[in-house]
């Protein structure tokens, strides 16, 4: 149990650091627009990576890496708690259309990325 917690904690630190760097990089690349592009991008990418790892780790019998990679790294990397805060903040600022668009795009694209990644990864391994 302690070993698993250490794996999750170490992975979470890595994932959170990567999330921060991605957000800073996107803000620098595109400027701060008031739209949470960094959080949305990380959620979509993280969902795709989750789909890939889901298939690869199961296919290779390496599910013992799930606590570190999936719960830790990707759990720290994807940001649905930040997503909720950003959606709420947009709504409170009176940007209801942006808030709705942000929620719909984040959820739809993240699920679509995971589904696509599962299918592509399965087809590559077949």
N, C-alpha and C. Protein backbone atom coordinates (compact mmCIF):
# COMPACT_ATOMS: atom_id res chain seq x y z
N UNK A 1 0.82 -1.20 0.00
CA UNK A 1 0.00 0.00 0.00
C UNK A 1 0.86 1.26 0.00
N UNK A 2 1.87 1.31 0.83
CA UNK A 2 2.74 2.49 0.91
C UNK A 2 3.50 2.65 -0.41
N UNK A 3 3.95 1.53 -0.97
CA UNK A 3 4.65 1.59 -2.26
C UNK A 3 3.77 2.17 -3.35
N UNK A 4 2.51 1.77 -3.36
CA UNK A 4 1.57 2.30 -4.35
C UNK A 4 1.35 3.79 -4.15
N UNK A 5 1.22 4.21 -2.91
CA UNK A 5 1.04 5.64 -2.61
C UNK A 5 2.25 6.46 -3.06
N UNK A 6 3.42 5.90 -2.88
CA UNK A 6 4.64 6.61 -3.32
C UNK A 6 4.65 6.72 -4.85
N UNK A 7 4.23 5.65 -5.53
CA UNK A 7 4.15 5.70 -7.00
C UNK A 7 3.18 6.78 -7.46
N UNK A 8 2.00 6.81 -6.85
CA UNK A 8 0.98 7.81 -7.22
C UNK A 8 1.50 9.22 -6.93
N UNK A 9 2.12 9.41 -5.78
CA UNK A 9 2.63 10.73 -5.41
C UNK A 9 3.72 11.20 -6.36
N UNK A 10 4.66 10.32 -6.67
CA UNK A 10 5.74 10.70 -7.60
C UNK A 10 5.18 10.99 -8.99
N UNK A 11 4.29 10.14 -9.45
CA UNK A 11 3.66 10.38 -10.75
C UNK A 11 2.86 11.66 -10.76
N UNK A 12 2.15 11.92 -9.67
CA UNK A 12 1.36 13.15 -9.58
C UNK A 12 2.22 14.40 -9.64
N UNK A 13 3.36 14.35 -9.01
CA UNK A 13 4.28 15.50 -9.05
C UNK A 13 4.77 15.74 -10.48
N UNK A 14 5.08 14.67 -11.17
CA UNK A 14 5.52 14.80 -12.57
C UNK A 14 4.39 15.34 -13.43
N UNK A 15 3.20 14.77 -13.28
CA UNK A 15 2.05 15.20 -14.08
C UNK A 15 1.67 16.65 -13.84
N UNK A 16 1.66 17.05 -12.58
CA UNK A 16 1.32 18.44 -12.25
C UNK A 16 2.34 19.41 -12.82
N UNK A 17 3.61 19.03 -12.77
CA UNK A 17 4.66 19.87 -13.34
C UNK A 17 4.49 20.00 -14.85
N UNK A 18 4.20 18.88 -15.50
CA UNK A 18 3.98 18.92 -16.95
C UNK A 18 2.75 19.76 -17.31
N UNK A 19 1.69 19.66 -16.50
CA UNK A 19 0.49 20.47 -16.73
C UNK A 19 0.82 21.95 -16.63
N UNK A 20 1.58 22.31 -15.62
CA UNK A 20 1.97 23.71 -15.44
C UNK A 20 2.78 24.20 -16.64
N UNK A 21 3.75 23.41 -17.04
CA UNK A 21 4.59 23.81 -18.18
C UNK A 21 3.78 23.92 -19.47
N UNK A 22 2.83 23.02 -19.67
CA UNK A 22 1.97 23.09 -20.86
C UNK A 22 1.14 24.37 -20.83
N UNK A 23 0.58 24.70 -19.68
CA UNK A 23 -0.22 25.92 -19.57
C UNK A 23 0.59 27.17 -19.82
N UNK A 24 1.78 27.22 -19.26
CA UNK A 24 2.67 28.37 -19.47
C UNK A 24 3.07 28.45 -20.94
N UNK A 25 3.42 27.32 -21.53
CA UNK A 25 3.83 27.29 -22.93
C UNK A 25 2.73 27.75 -23.87
N UNK A 26 1.51 27.28 -23.64
CA UNK A 26 0.39 27.69 -24.50
C UNK A 26 0.06 29.16 -24.30
N UNK A 27 0.14 29.64 -23.07
CA UNK A 27 -0.13 31.06 -22.81
C UNK A 27 0.90 31.94 -23.53
N UNK A 28 2.15 31.50 -23.52
CA UNK A 28 3.18 32.26 -24.22
C UNK A 28 3.01 32.18 -25.73
N UNK A 29 2.63 31.00 -26.21
CA UNK A 29 2.49 30.80 -27.65
C UNK A 29 1.29 31.55 -28.22
N UNK A 30 0.17 31.55 -27.49
CA UNK A 30 -1.06 32.13 -28.01
C UNK A 30 -1.50 33.39 -27.30
N UNK A 31 -0.82 33.75 -26.24
CA UNK A 31 -1.23 34.91 -25.47
C UNK A 31 -2.37 34.55 -24.54
N UNK A 32 -2.59 35.36 -23.57
CA UNK A 32 -3.68 35.14 -22.63
C UNK A 32 -4.93 35.74 -23.23
N UNK A 33 -5.91 34.90 -23.51
CA UNK A 33 -7.12 35.35 -24.20
C UNK A 33 -8.34 35.39 -23.30
N UNK A 34 -8.23 34.92 -22.08
CA UNK A 34 -9.39 34.82 -21.21
C UNK A 34 -10.10 33.49 -21.38
N UNK A 35 -9.73 32.74 -22.42
CA UNK A 35 -10.29 31.40 -22.65
C UNK A 35 -9.25 30.39 -22.16
N UNK A 36 -9.65 29.43 -21.32
CA UNK A 36 -8.69 28.50 -20.72
C UNK A 36 -8.19 27.42 -21.69
N UNK A 37 -7.46 27.85 -22.69
CA UNK A 37 -6.93 26.96 -23.72
C UNK A 37 -5.97 25.93 -23.14
N UNK A 38 -5.14 26.32 -22.19
CA UNK A 38 -4.17 25.41 -21.60
C UNK A 38 -4.85 24.24 -20.91
N UNK A 39 -5.83 24.52 -20.08
CA UNK A 39 -6.54 23.47 -19.36
C UNK A 39 -7.27 22.55 -20.33
N UNK A 40 -7.95 23.13 -21.32
CA UNK A 40 -8.67 22.31 -22.29
C UNK A 40 -7.70 21.42 -23.08
N UNK A 41 -6.59 21.98 -23.51
CA UNK A 41 -5.61 21.21 -24.28
C UNK A 41 -5.03 20.06 -23.47
N UNK A 42 -4.72 20.32 -22.22
CA UNK A 42 -4.17 19.29 -21.35
C UNK A 42 -5.20 18.18 -21.13
N UNK A 43 -6.46 18.53 -20.94
CA UNK A 43 -7.50 17.52 -20.75
C UNK A 43 -7.65 16.63 -21.98
N UNK A 44 -7.63 17.22 -23.16
CA UNK A 44 -7.75 16.44 -24.39
C UNK A 44 -6.54 15.54 -24.58
N UNK A 45 -5.34 16.10 -24.44
CA UNK A 45 -4.12 15.30 -24.59
C UNK A 45 -4.04 14.21 -23.53
N UNK A 46 -4.36 14.56 -22.30
CA UNK A 46 -4.33 13.57 -21.22
C UNK A 46 -5.31 12.45 -21.45
N UNK A 47 -6.47 12.75 -22.00
CA UNK A 47 -7.46 11.71 -22.29
C UNK A 47 -6.95 10.78 -23.39
N UNK A 48 -6.33 11.35 -24.40
CA UNK A 48 -5.75 10.51 -25.47
C UNK A 48 -4.66 9.60 -24.91
N UNK A 49 -3.78 10.17 -24.09
CA UNK A 49 -2.72 9.37 -23.48
C UNK A 49 -3.29 8.28 -22.57
N UNK A 50 -4.38 8.58 -21.87
CA UNK A 50 -5.03 7.59 -21.02
C UNK A 50 -5.53 6.43 -21.86
N UNK A 51 -6.12 6.74 -23.02
CA UNK A 51 -6.59 5.67 -23.91
C UNK A 51 -5.46 4.80 -24.41
N UNK A 52 -4.36 5.42 -24.78
CA UNK A 52 -3.19 4.67 -25.26
C UNK A 52 -2.66 3.76 -24.16
N UNK A 53 -2.46 4.32 -22.97
CA UNK A 53 -1.93 3.53 -21.86
C UNK A 53 -2.88 2.42 -21.43
N UNK A 54 -4.17 2.69 -21.46
CA UNK A 54 -5.16 1.69 -21.10
C UNK A 54 -4.95 0.43 -21.93
N UNK A 55 -4.78 0.61 -23.23
CA UNK A 55 -4.61 -0.52 -24.13
C UNK A 55 -3.22 -1.11 -24.02
N UNK A 56 -2.19 -0.28 -24.08
CA UNK A 56 -0.82 -0.78 -24.07
C UNK A 56 -0.46 -1.54 -22.80
N UNK A 57 -0.80 -0.98 -21.66
CA UNK A 57 -0.44 -1.64 -20.40
C UNK A 57 -1.17 -2.97 -20.24
N UNK A 58 -2.44 -3.01 -20.64
CA UNK A 58 -3.18 -4.27 -20.56
C UNK A 58 -2.62 -5.29 -21.56
N UNK A 59 -2.33 -4.83 -22.76
CA UNK A 59 -1.81 -5.71 -23.82
C UNK A 59 -0.47 -6.32 -23.44
N UNK A 60 0.35 -5.56 -22.76
CA UNK A 60 1.70 -6.01 -22.40
C UNK A 60 1.78 -6.61 -20.99
N UNK A 61 0.63 -6.72 -20.32
CA UNK A 61 0.64 -7.27 -18.97
C UNK A 61 1.38 -6.39 -17.98
N UNK A 62 1.32 -5.10 -18.17
CA UNK A 62 2.05 -4.16 -17.31
C UNK A 62 1.12 -3.26 -16.50
N UNK A 63 -0.02 -3.80 -16.12
CA UNK A 63 -0.97 -2.99 -15.36
C UNK A 63 -0.44 -2.60 -13.98
N UNK A 64 0.65 -3.21 -13.55
CA UNK A 64 1.26 -2.79 -12.28
C UNK A 64 1.79 -1.35 -12.36
N UNK A 65 1.91 -0.82 -13.59
CA UNK A 65 2.35 0.56 -13.77
C UNK A 65 1.20 1.56 -13.68
N UNK A 66 -0.04 1.06 -13.59
CA UNK A 66 -1.22 1.95 -13.54
C UNK A 66 -1.15 3.00 -12.43
N UNK A 67 -0.78 2.62 -11.20
CA UNK A 67 -0.75 3.66 -10.15
C UNK A 67 0.18 4.82 -10.49
N UNK A 68 1.36 4.51 -11.01
CA UNK A 68 2.31 5.57 -11.33
C UNK A 68 1.88 6.35 -12.57
N UNK A 69 1.62 5.65 -13.67
CA UNK A 69 1.36 6.32 -14.94
C UNK A 69 -0.04 6.90 -15.05
N UNK A 70 -1.06 6.09 -14.76
CA UNK A 70 -2.43 6.53 -15.01
C UNK A 70 -2.97 7.38 -13.87
N UNK A 71 -2.87 6.87 -12.64
CA UNK A 71 -3.38 7.64 -11.50
C UNK A 71 -2.47 8.81 -11.17
N UNK A 72 -1.16 8.55 -11.17
CA UNK A 72 -0.20 9.59 -10.80
C UNK A 72 0.07 10.59 -11.90
N UNK A 73 0.80 10.17 -12.93
CA UNK A 73 1.22 11.11 -13.98
C UNK A 73 0.01 11.74 -14.68
N UNK A 74 -0.88 10.90 -15.22
CA UNK A 74 -2.02 11.47 -15.95
C UNK A 74 -3.05 12.10 -15.03
N UNK A 75 -3.18 11.57 -13.81
CA UNK A 75 -4.07 12.20 -12.84
C UNK A 75 -3.59 13.59 -12.45
N UNK A 76 -2.28 13.74 -12.34
CA UNK A 76 -1.71 15.06 -12.05
C UNK A 76 -1.70 15.97 -13.27
N UNK A 77 -1.66 15.37 -14.44
CA UNK A 77 -1.57 16.14 -15.69
C UNK A 77 -2.94 16.68 -16.11
N UNK A 78 -3.95 15.83 -16.09
CA UNK A 78 -5.28 16.29 -16.49
C UNK A 78 -5.88 17.12 -15.36
N UNK A 79 -6.74 18.01 -15.70
CA UNK A 79 -7.09 19.07 -14.75
C UNK A 79 -8.58 19.34 -14.67
N UNK A 80 -9.38 18.30 -14.41
CA UNK A 80 -10.80 18.58 -14.36
C UNK A 80 -11.22 19.41 -13.16
N UNK A 81 -10.43 19.41 -12.12
CA UNK A 81 -10.77 20.32 -11.03
C UNK A 81 -10.52 21.75 -11.47
N UNK A 82 -9.42 21.97 -12.16
CA UNK A 82 -9.16 23.30 -12.72
C UNK A 82 -10.19 23.62 -13.80
N UNK A 83 -10.58 22.62 -14.56
CA UNK A 83 -11.63 22.77 -15.58
C UNK A 83 -12.91 23.32 -14.95
N UNK A 84 -13.32 22.73 -13.85
CA UNK A 84 -14.54 23.17 -13.19
C UNK A 84 -14.43 24.62 -12.73
N UNK A 85 -13.28 24.95 -12.17
CA UNK A 85 -13.06 26.32 -11.72
C UNK A 85 -13.08 27.31 -12.88
N UNK A 86 -12.44 26.95 -13.99
CA UNK A 86 -12.41 27.83 -15.16
C UNK A 86 -13.82 28.05 -15.72
N UNK A 87 -14.61 26.96 -15.81
CA UNK A 87 -15.97 27.08 -16.32
C UNK A 87 -16.80 28.00 -15.42
N UNK A 88 -16.67 27.80 -14.13
CA UNK A 88 -17.39 28.63 -13.17
C UNK A 88 -16.96 30.09 -13.26
N UNK A 89 -15.66 30.31 -13.39
CA UNK A 89 -15.13 31.67 -13.48
C UNK A 89 -15.65 32.38 -14.73
N UNK A 90 -15.64 31.68 -15.86
CA UNK A 90 -16.20 32.26 -17.09
C UNK A 90 -17.67 32.63 -16.88
N UNK A 91 -18.42 31.72 -16.28
CA UNK A 91 -19.84 31.96 -16.03
C UNK A 91 -20.03 33.19 -15.14
N UNK A 92 -19.25 33.26 -14.07
CA UNK A 92 -19.38 34.38 -13.14
C UNK A 92 -19.00 35.71 -13.78
N UNK A 93 -18.08 35.67 -14.73
CA UNK A 93 -17.69 36.90 -15.44
C UNK A 93 -18.75 37.35 -16.44
N UNK A 94 -19.79 36.54 -16.59
CA UNK A 94 -20.85 36.88 -17.55
C UNK A 94 -20.58 36.36 -18.94
N UNK A 95 -19.59 35.49 -19.07
CA UNK A 95 -19.25 34.91 -20.37
C UNK A 95 -19.91 33.54 -20.50
N UNK A 96 -21.24 33.54 -20.45
CA UNK A 96 -22.00 32.28 -20.46
C UNK A 96 -21.76 31.48 -21.74
N UNK A 97 -21.68 32.16 -22.88
CA UNK A 97 -21.45 31.45 -24.14
C UNK A 97 -20.07 30.78 -24.14
N UNK A 98 -19.06 31.51 -23.70
CA UNK A 98 -17.71 30.92 -23.61
C UNK A 98 -17.68 29.77 -22.61
N UNK A 99 -18.36 29.92 -21.48
CA UNK A 99 -18.40 28.86 -20.47
C UNK A 99 -19.04 27.60 -21.05
N UNK A 100 -20.16 27.77 -21.73
CA UNK A 100 -20.84 26.61 -22.34
C UNK A 100 -19.98 25.96 -23.41
N UNK A 101 -19.38 26.78 -24.26
CA UNK A 101 -18.50 26.25 -25.31
C UNK A 101 -17.32 25.51 -24.70
N UNK A 102 -16.75 26.08 -23.67
CA UNK A 102 -15.61 25.47 -22.99
C UNK A 102 -15.98 24.10 -22.42
N UNK A 103 -17.12 23.99 -21.75
CA UNK A 103 -17.56 22.73 -21.17
C UNK A 103 -17.83 21.70 -22.27
N UNK A 104 -18.57 22.09 -23.27
CA UNK A 104 -18.93 21.16 -24.35
C UNK A 104 -17.69 20.67 -25.09
N UNK A 105 -16.81 21.60 -25.48
CA UNK A 105 -15.61 21.20 -26.21
C UNK A 105 -14.67 20.35 -25.37
N UNK A 106 -14.46 20.72 -24.12
CA UNK A 106 -13.56 19.96 -23.25
C UNK A 106 -14.04 18.52 -23.07
N UNK A 107 -15.29 18.36 -22.73
CA UNK A 107 -15.82 17.01 -22.48
C UNK A 107 -15.88 16.21 -23.77
N UNK A 108 -16.43 16.78 -24.82
CA UNK A 108 -16.58 16.05 -26.09
C UNK A 108 -15.23 15.67 -26.68
N UNK A 109 -14.31 16.62 -26.76
CA UNK A 109 -13.01 16.33 -27.35
C UNK A 109 -12.19 15.36 -26.51
N UNK A 110 -12.29 15.44 -25.19
CA UNK A 110 -11.55 14.53 -24.33
C UNK A 110 -12.04 13.09 -24.49
N UNK A 111 -13.34 12.91 -24.50
CA UNK A 111 -13.89 11.56 -24.69
C UNK A 111 -13.57 11.05 -26.09
N UNK A 112 -13.72 11.91 -27.09
CA UNK A 112 -13.40 11.51 -28.47
C UNK A 112 -11.92 11.14 -28.60
N UNK A 113 -11.04 11.89 -27.95
CA UNK A 113 -9.60 11.59 -28.00
C UNK A 113 -9.31 10.24 -27.37
N UNK A 114 -9.94 9.94 -26.24
CA UNK A 114 -9.72 8.65 -25.59
C UNK A 114 -10.22 7.52 -26.47
N UNK A 115 -11.42 7.65 -27.03
CA UNK A 115 -11.99 6.61 -27.90
C UNK A 115 -11.12 6.41 -29.12
N UNK A 116 -10.71 7.49 -29.76
CA UNK A 116 -9.85 7.39 -30.95
C UNK A 116 -8.52 6.74 -30.61
N UNK A 117 -7.93 7.12 -29.49
CA UNK A 117 -6.65 6.55 -29.09
C UNK A 117 -6.76 5.06 -28.82
N UNK A 118 -7.84 4.64 -28.18
CA UNK A 118 -8.07 3.20 -27.93
C UNK A 118 -8.15 2.45 -29.25
N UNK A 119 -8.96 2.97 -30.19
CA UNK A 119 -9.13 2.28 -31.47
C UNK A 119 -7.82 2.24 -32.27
N UNK A 120 -7.13 3.36 -32.33
CA UNK A 120 -5.87 3.40 -33.08
C UNK A 120 -4.84 2.48 -32.46
N UNK A 121 -4.71 2.54 -31.14
CA UNK A 121 -3.72 1.71 -30.48
C UNK A 121 -4.04 0.23 -30.63
N UNK A 122 -5.31 -0.13 -30.52
CA UNK A 122 -5.70 -1.53 -30.73
C UNK A 122 -5.40 -1.98 -32.15
N UNK A 123 -5.67 -1.11 -33.12
CA UNK A 123 -5.42 -1.50 -34.52
C UNK A 123 -3.94 -1.64 -34.81
N UNK A 124 -3.11 -0.80 -34.18
CA UNK A 124 -1.67 -0.90 -34.37
C UNK A 124 -1.13 -2.19 -33.76
N UNK A 125 -1.69 -2.59 -32.62
CA UNK A 125 -1.23 -3.79 -31.93
C UNK A 125 -1.80 -5.08 -32.54
N UNK A 126 -2.84 -4.96 -33.33
CA UNK A 126 -3.48 -6.16 -33.90
C UNK A 126 -2.63 -6.81 -34.96
